[in-house]
């Protein structure tokens, strides 16, 4: 039985405007065993509070200048 990759990626650097709605839409589609890798140009502390409130955990890492990778999954 084929399954989708356990990791989905959303690069918000490619989104014109505020990416919040795109991030929330991606999280709504996330299955319990999947993880979302968010690639962003900055670290978004307010997003982390929203994630916590909605039952997600996250780990963030600055990969290079102005590039953050945030792994998000269900708590």
N, C-alpha and C. Protein backbone atom coordinates (compact mmCIF):
# COMPACT_ATOMS: atom_id res chain seq x y z
N UNK A 1 0.84 -1.18 0.00
CA UNK A 1 0.00 0.00 0.00
C UNK A 1 0.89 1.25 0.00
N UNK A 2 0.69 2.13 -0.94
CA UNK A 2 1.51 3.34 -1.03
C UNK A 2 0.98 4.40 -0.08
N UNK A 3 1.90 5.11 0.57
CA UNK A 3 1.51 6.19 1.46
C UNK A 3 2.25 7.45 1.05
N UNK A 4 1.71 8.59 1.43
CA UNK A 4 2.37 9.85 1.15
C UNK A 4 3.61 9.98 2.02
N UNK A 5 4.52 10.81 1.60
CA UNK A 5 5.72 11.07 2.38
C UNK A 5 5.33 11.54 3.78
N UNK A 6 6.14 11.15 4.75
CA UNK A 6 5.86 11.55 6.13
C UNK A 6 6.16 13.03 6.35
N UNK A 7 6.80 13.67 5.36
CA UNK A 7 7.12 15.08 5.50
C UNK A 7 6.61 15.87 4.30
N UNK A 8 5.90 16.94 4.59
CA UNK A 8 5.47 17.89 3.57
C UNK A 8 6.32 19.14 3.73
N UNK A 9 6.54 19.85 2.65
CA UNK A 9 7.35 21.07 2.71
C UNK A 9 6.56 22.26 2.19
N UNK A 10 6.65 23.36 2.91
CA UNK A 10 6.04 24.62 2.49
C UNK A 10 7.10 25.70 2.60
N UNK A 11 7.49 26.25 1.44
CA UNK A 11 8.49 27.31 1.39
C UNK A 11 7.75 28.64 1.28
N UNK A 12 7.63 29.35 2.39
CA UNK A 12 6.86 30.60 2.39
C UNK A 12 7.63 31.76 1.78
N UNK A 13 8.89 31.55 1.46
CA UNK A 13 9.65 32.60 0.78
C UNK A 13 9.08 32.86 -0.61
N UNK A 14 8.34 31.88 -1.15
CA UNK A 14 7.77 31.99 -2.48
C UNK A 14 6.36 32.59 -2.48
N UNK A 15 5.83 32.89 -1.32
CA UNK A 15 4.46 33.40 -1.20
C UNK A 15 4.49 34.92 -1.21
N UNK A 16 3.64 35.50 -2.03
CA UNK A 16 3.53 36.96 -2.09
C UNK A 16 2.54 37.41 -1.02
N UNK A 17 2.99 38.19 -0.06
CA UNK A 17 2.12 38.63 1.03
C UNK A 17 2.35 37.80 2.28
N UNK A 18 1.42 37.95 3.23
CA UNK A 18 1.52 37.24 4.51
C UNK A 18 1.23 35.75 4.32
N UNK A 19 2.08 34.86 4.82
CA UNK A 19 1.91 33.42 4.61
C UNK A 19 1.05 32.70 5.65
N UNK A 20 0.50 33.42 6.63
CA UNK A 20 -0.20 32.76 7.74
C UNK A 20 -1.31 31.82 7.26
N UNK A 21 -2.17 32.28 6.35
CA UNK A 21 -3.27 31.45 5.87
C UNK A 21 -2.77 30.21 5.15
N UNK A 22 -1.70 30.35 4.39
CA UNK A 22 -1.11 29.21 3.69
C UNK A 22 -0.57 28.17 4.68
N UNK A 23 0.06 28.67 5.74
CA UNK A 23 0.59 27.77 6.77
C UNK A 23 -0.55 27.03 7.46
N UNK A 24 -1.60 27.75 7.84
CA UNK A 24 -2.73 27.11 8.52
C UNK A 24 -3.42 26.09 7.61
N UNK A 25 -3.53 26.39 6.32
CA UNK A 25 -4.14 25.44 5.38
C UNK A 25 -3.29 24.17 5.28
N UNK A 26 -1.97 24.33 5.24
CA UNK A 26 -1.09 23.16 5.18
C UNK A 26 -1.20 22.32 6.44
N UNK A 27 -1.34 22.97 7.59
CA UNK A 27 -1.47 22.23 8.85
C UNK A 27 -2.79 21.48 8.93
N UNK A 28 -3.85 22.05 8.37
CA UNK A 28 -5.15 21.38 8.37
C UNK A 28 -5.10 20.08 7.57
N UNK A 29 -4.27 20.03 6.54
CA UNK A 29 -4.16 18.84 5.70
C UNK A 29 -3.17 17.81 6.25
N UNK A 30 -2.47 18.16 7.31
CA UNK A 30 -1.43 17.30 7.87
C UNK A 30 -2.06 16.12 8.61
N UNK A 31 -1.67 14.92 8.21
CA UNK A 31 -2.13 13.71 8.89
C UNK A 31 -1.36 13.56 10.21
N UNK A 32 -1.88 12.76 11.11
CA UNK A 32 -1.29 12.61 12.44
C UNK A 32 0.17 12.18 12.40
N UNK A 33 0.55 11.34 11.42
CA UNK A 33 1.91 10.82 11.36
C UNK A 33 2.83 11.66 10.47
N UNK A 34 2.31 12.71 9.90
CA UNK A 34 3.11 13.55 9.02
C UNK A 34 3.71 14.75 9.75
N UNK A 35 4.72 15.32 9.11
CA UNK A 35 5.39 16.51 9.63
C UNK A 35 5.44 17.54 8.50
N UNK A 36 5.33 18.80 8.87
CA UNK A 36 5.44 19.90 7.92
C UNK A 36 6.78 20.59 8.13
N UNK A 37 7.56 20.70 7.05
CA UNK A 37 8.81 21.47 7.10
C UNK A 37 8.49 22.83 6.49
N UNK A 38 8.57 23.84 7.31
CA UNK A 38 8.32 25.21 6.90
C UNK A 38 9.66 25.88 6.65
N UNK A 39 9.82 26.47 5.48
CA UNK A 39 11.04 27.20 5.15
C UNK A 39 10.66 28.67 5.07
N UNK A 40 11.30 29.49 5.89
CA UNK A 40 10.90 30.89 6.02
C UNK A 40 12.13 31.81 6.04
N UNK A 41 11.93 33.07 5.68
CA UNK A 41 13.04 34.02 5.67
C UNK A 41 13.35 34.61 7.05
N UNK A 42 12.51 34.30 8.03
CA UNK A 42 12.73 34.81 9.38
C UNK A 42 12.06 33.88 10.38
N UNK A 43 12.46 34.01 11.63
CA UNK A 43 11.83 33.21 12.69
C UNK A 43 10.58 33.93 13.16
N UNK A 44 9.47 33.21 13.24
CA UNK A 44 8.19 33.81 13.59
C UNK A 44 7.74 33.35 14.97
N UNK A 45 8.13 34.08 15.98
CA UNK A 45 7.73 33.75 17.36
C UNK A 45 6.21 33.72 17.53
N UNK A 46 5.45 34.67 16.96
CA UNK A 46 3.99 34.60 17.11
C UNK A 46 3.39 33.31 16.53
N UNK A 47 3.98 32.80 15.46
CA UNK A 47 3.49 31.53 14.88
C UNK A 47 3.65 30.40 15.88
N UNK A 48 4.74 30.40 16.64
CA UNK A 48 4.97 29.32 17.60
C UNK A 48 3.87 29.28 18.65
N UNK A 49 3.39 30.43 19.07
CA UNK A 49 2.29 30.47 20.04
C UNK A 49 1.02 29.87 19.45
N UNK A 50 0.74 30.19 18.19
CA UNK A 50 -0.44 29.63 17.51
C UNK A 50 -0.30 28.12 17.40
N UNK A 51 0.89 27.65 17.05
CA UNK A 51 1.12 26.21 16.94
C UNK A 51 0.86 25.52 18.27
N UNK A 52 1.39 26.09 19.34
CA UNK A 52 1.18 25.52 20.67
C UNK A 52 -0.30 25.46 21.02
N UNK A 53 -1.01 26.55 20.73
CA UNK A 53 -2.45 26.62 21.03
C UNK A 53 -3.25 25.59 20.25
N UNK A 54 -2.78 25.22 19.06
CA UNK A 54 -3.51 24.29 18.19
C UNK A 54 -3.02 22.85 18.30
N UNK A 55 -2.15 22.59 19.26
CA UNK A 55 -1.72 21.21 19.53
C UNK A 55 -0.59 20.70 18.67
N UNK A 56 0.28 21.59 18.21
CA UNK A 56 1.45 21.20 17.42
C UNK A 56 2.72 21.48 18.20
N UNK A 57 3.75 20.71 17.91
CA UNK A 57 5.07 20.98 18.44
C UNK A 57 5.94 21.45 17.27
N UNK A 58 7.03 22.11 17.59
CA UNK A 58 7.90 22.59 16.53
C UNK A 58 9.36 22.61 16.99
N UNK A 59 10.24 22.51 16.03
CA UNK A 59 11.67 22.70 16.24
C UNK A 59 12.15 23.60 15.13
N UNK A 60 12.85 24.66 15.49
CA UNK A 60 13.34 25.59 14.47
C UNK A 60 14.86 25.60 14.44
N UNK A 61 15.37 25.86 13.25
CA UNK A 61 16.82 25.89 13.06
C UNK A 61 17.15 26.91 11.98
N UNK A 62 18.09 27.77 12.29
CA UNK A 62 18.56 28.72 11.29
C UNK A 62 19.60 28.01 10.43
N UNK A 63 19.29 27.84 9.15
CA UNK A 63 20.16 27.08 8.26
C UNK A 63 21.25 27.92 7.62
N UNK A 64 20.89 29.10 7.21
CA UNK A 64 21.84 30.02 6.61
C UNK A 64 21.29 31.41 6.83
N UNK A 65 22.00 32.40 6.36
CA UNK A 65 21.54 33.77 6.57
C UNK A 65 20.13 33.95 6.01
N UNK A 66 19.21 34.35 6.87
CA UNK A 66 17.83 34.62 6.49
C UNK A 66 17.06 33.41 5.98
N UNK A 67 17.43 32.21 6.41
CA UNK A 67 16.66 31.01 6.06
C UNK A 67 16.46 30.17 7.32
N UNK A 68 15.20 30.03 7.70
CA UNK A 68 14.83 29.22 8.86
C UNK A 68 14.06 28.00 8.40
N UNK A 69 14.36 26.86 9.00
CA UNK A 69 13.60 25.63 8.78
C UNK A 69 12.89 25.32 10.09
N UNK A 70 11.58 25.14 10.00
CA UNK A 70 10.78 24.83 11.19
C UNK A 70 10.06 23.51 10.92
N UNK A 71 10.34 22.50 11.73
CA UNK A 71 9.65 21.22 11.63
C UNK A 71 8.46 21.25 12.57
N UNK A 72 7.28 21.00 12.03
CA UNK A 72 6.04 21.09 12.79
C UNK A 72 5.34 19.73 12.72
N UNK A 73 4.87 19.25 13.86
CA UNK A 73 4.09 18.01 13.89
C UNK A 73 3.08 18.04 15.02
N UNK A 74 2.13 17.12 14.95
CA UNK A 74 1.12 17.02 15.99
C UNK A 74 1.78 16.63 17.31
N UNK A 75 1.32 17.24 18.39
CA UNK A 75 1.87 16.94 19.71
C UNK A 75 1.44 15.56 20.16
